[in-house]
């Protein structure tokens, strides 16, 4: 099983910044897209007791 990993602190900083922006200017400005880097965490898989990497 593999998973994605990201910096949760960085995500929190962006969320707080967006919230503060909204408090300062409550007029809706439409959706906002923030892209954060992610990394793929590859883990071994098992099928019938045999580890697949």
N, C-alpha and C. Protein backbone atom coordinates (compact mmCIF):
# COMPACT_ATOMS: atom_id res chain seq x y z
N UNK A 1 0.84 -1.16 0.00
CA UNK A 1 0.00 0.00 0.00
C UNK A 1 0.90 1.24 0.00
N UNK A 2 0.59 2.18 -0.84
CA UNK A 2 1.33 3.43 -0.92
C UNK A 2 0.44 4.56 -0.43
N UNK A 3 1.04 5.67 -0.10
CA UNK A 3 0.27 6.82 0.41
C UNK A 3 0.95 8.11 -0.01
N UNK A 4 0.19 9.20 0.05
CA UNK A 4 0.74 10.53 -0.19
C UNK A 4 1.03 11.19 1.16
N UNK A 5 2.09 11.95 1.21
CA UNK A 5 2.46 12.66 2.43
C UNK A 5 2.64 14.13 2.09
N UNK A 6 2.19 15.01 3.00
CA UNK A 6 2.35 16.43 2.78
C UNK A 6 2.63 17.11 4.11
N UNK A 7 3.11 18.34 4.03
CA UNK A 7 3.47 19.11 5.21
C UNK A 7 2.19 19.71 5.81
N UNK A 8 1.73 19.13 6.91
CA UNK A 8 0.48 19.59 7.52
C UNK A 8 0.62 21.00 8.10
N UNK A 9 1.80 21.34 8.60
CA UNK A 9 2.01 22.68 9.14
C UNK A 9 1.87 23.72 8.03
N UNK A 10 2.41 23.43 6.86
CA UNK A 10 2.30 24.34 5.72
C UNK A 10 0.84 24.48 5.30
N UNK A 11 0.09 23.38 5.31
CA UNK A 11 -1.32 23.43 4.97
C UNK A 11 -2.07 24.30 5.99
N UNK A 12 -1.73 24.17 7.26
CA UNK A 12 -2.36 24.98 8.30
C UNK A 12 -2.05 26.46 8.13
N UNK A 13 -0.80 26.78 7.76
CA UNK A 13 -0.43 28.17 7.53
C UNK A 13 -1.26 28.79 6.40
N UNK A 14 -1.42 28.04 5.32
CA UNK A 14 -2.22 28.54 4.20
C UNK A 14 -3.68 28.71 4.62
N UNK A 15 -4.22 27.76 5.37
CA UNK A 15 -5.61 27.86 5.81
C UNK A 15 -5.80 29.07 6.71
N UNK A 16 -4.87 29.31 7.63
CA UNK A 16 -4.97 30.46 8.53
C UNK A 16 -4.86 31.77 7.75
N UNK A 17 -3.96 31.81 6.79
CA UNK A 17 -3.80 33.01 5.96
C UNK A 17 -5.08 33.30 5.19
N UNK A 18 -5.70 32.26 4.63
CA UNK A 18 -6.94 32.45 3.88
C UNK A 18 -8.07 32.91 4.80
N UNK A 19 -8.12 32.37 6.01
CA UNK A 19 -9.15 32.79 6.97
C UNK A 19 -8.96 34.25 7.36
N UNK A 20 -7.72 34.64 7.64
CA UNK A 20 -7.45 36.03 8.01
C UNK A 20 -7.77 36.99 6.85
N UNK A 21 -7.46 36.58 5.62
CA UNK A 21 -7.82 37.39 4.45
C UNK A 21 -9.33 37.58 4.38
N UNK A 22 -10.06 36.52 4.66
CA UNK A 22 -11.54 36.59 4.60
C UNK A 22 -12.10 37.48 5.70
N UNK A 23 -11.47 37.45 6.89
CA UNK A 23 -11.92 38.31 7.99
C UNK A 23 -11.66 39.77 7.64
N UNK A 24 -10.49 40.06 7.05
CA UNK A 24 -10.14 41.43 6.66
C UNK A 24 -11.06 41.97 5.57
N UNK A 25 -11.42 41.12 4.62
CA UNK A 25 -12.27 41.53 3.49
C UNK A 25 -13.33 40.46 3.29
N UNK A 26 -14.51 40.63 3.92
CA UNK A 26 -15.53 39.57 3.87
C UNK A 26 -16.23 39.38 2.52
N UNK A 27 -15.93 40.21 1.55
CA UNK A 27 -16.57 40.05 0.24
C UNK A 27 -16.02 38.79 -0.44
N UNK A 28 -16.90 37.89 -0.85
CA UNK A 28 -16.43 36.67 -1.53
C UNK A 28 -15.73 37.01 -2.84
N UNK A 29 -14.62 36.36 -3.09
CA UNK A 29 -13.85 36.59 -4.31
C UNK A 29 -13.75 35.34 -5.18
N UNK A 30 -14.52 34.34 -4.88
CA UNK A 30 -14.50 33.12 -5.66
C UNK A 30 -13.51 32.11 -5.10
N UNK A 31 -13.48 30.94 -5.69
CA UNK A 31 -12.60 29.88 -5.20
C UNK A 31 -11.12 30.24 -5.33
N UNK A 32 -10.32 29.67 -4.48
CA UNK A 32 -8.88 29.90 -4.48
C UNK A 32 -8.18 28.55 -4.45
N UNK A 33 -7.19 28.40 -5.26
CA UNK A 33 -6.47 27.13 -5.34
C UNK A 33 -5.07 27.31 -4.77
N UNK A 34 -4.71 26.45 -3.85
CA UNK A 34 -3.37 26.46 -3.27
C UNK A 34 -2.77 25.08 -3.52
N UNK A 35 -1.61 25.05 -4.11
CA UNK A 35 -0.94 23.77 -4.38
C UNK A 35 0.24 23.62 -3.43
N UNK A 36 0.26 22.50 -2.76
CA UNK A 36 1.35 22.19 -1.84
C UNK A 36 2.10 20.97 -2.37
N UNK A 37 3.40 20.92 -2.16
CA UNK A 37 4.14 19.75 -2.61
C UNK A 37 3.75 18.51 -1.80
N UNK A 38 3.70 17.40 -2.47
CA UNK A 38 3.42 16.12 -1.81
C UNK A 38 4.53 15.14 -2.17
N UNK A 39 4.66 14.11 -1.38
CA UNK A 39 5.61 13.06 -1.71
C UNK A 39 4.89 11.71 -1.63
N UNK A 40 5.31 10.81 -2.47
CA UNK A 40 4.74 9.47 -2.51
C UNK A 40 5.53 8.58 -1.58
N UNK A 41 4.84 7.95 -0.65
CA UNK A 41 5.46 7.01 0.28
C UNK A 41 5.10 5.61 -0.20
N UNK A 42 6.07 4.91 -0.76
CA UNK A 42 5.84 3.56 -1.29
C UNK A 42 6.14 2.56 -0.19
N UNK A 43 5.17 1.73 0.08
CA UNK A 43 5.34 0.68 1.09
C UNK A 43 5.20 -0.67 0.41
N UNK A 44 5.75 -1.66 1.03
CA UNK A 44 5.66 -3.00 0.43
C UNK A 44 4.22 -3.51 0.54
N UNK A 45 3.86 -4.37 -0.39
CA UNK A 45 2.54 -4.99 -0.40
C UNK A 45 2.72 -6.48 -0.23
N UNK A 46 1.74 -7.10 0.36
CA UNK A 46 1.80 -8.55 0.52
C UNK A 46 0.61 -9.19 -0.18
N UNK A 47 0.91 -10.25 -0.89
CA UNK A 47 -0.12 -11.03 -1.52
C UNK A 47 0.21 -12.49 -1.30
N UNK A 48 -0.66 -13.21 -0.65
CA UNK A 48 -0.45 -14.62 -0.34
C UNK A 48 0.83 -14.85 0.44
N UNK A 49 1.16 -13.93 1.35
CA UNK A 49 2.33 -14.10 2.19
C UNK A 49 3.64 -13.73 1.54
N UNK A 50 3.62 -13.24 0.27
CA UNK A 50 4.83 -12.86 -0.44
C UNK A 50 4.87 -11.34 -0.55
N UNK A 51 5.95 -10.73 -0.09
CA UNK A 51 6.07 -9.28 -0.15
C UNK A 51 6.38 -8.84 -1.57
N UNK A 52 5.58 -7.90 -2.07
CA UNK A 52 5.80 -7.32 -3.40
C UNK A 52 6.30 -5.91 -3.20
N UNK A 53 7.41 -5.56 -3.82
CA UNK A 53 7.96 -4.22 -3.68
C UNK A 53 7.99 -3.53 -5.02
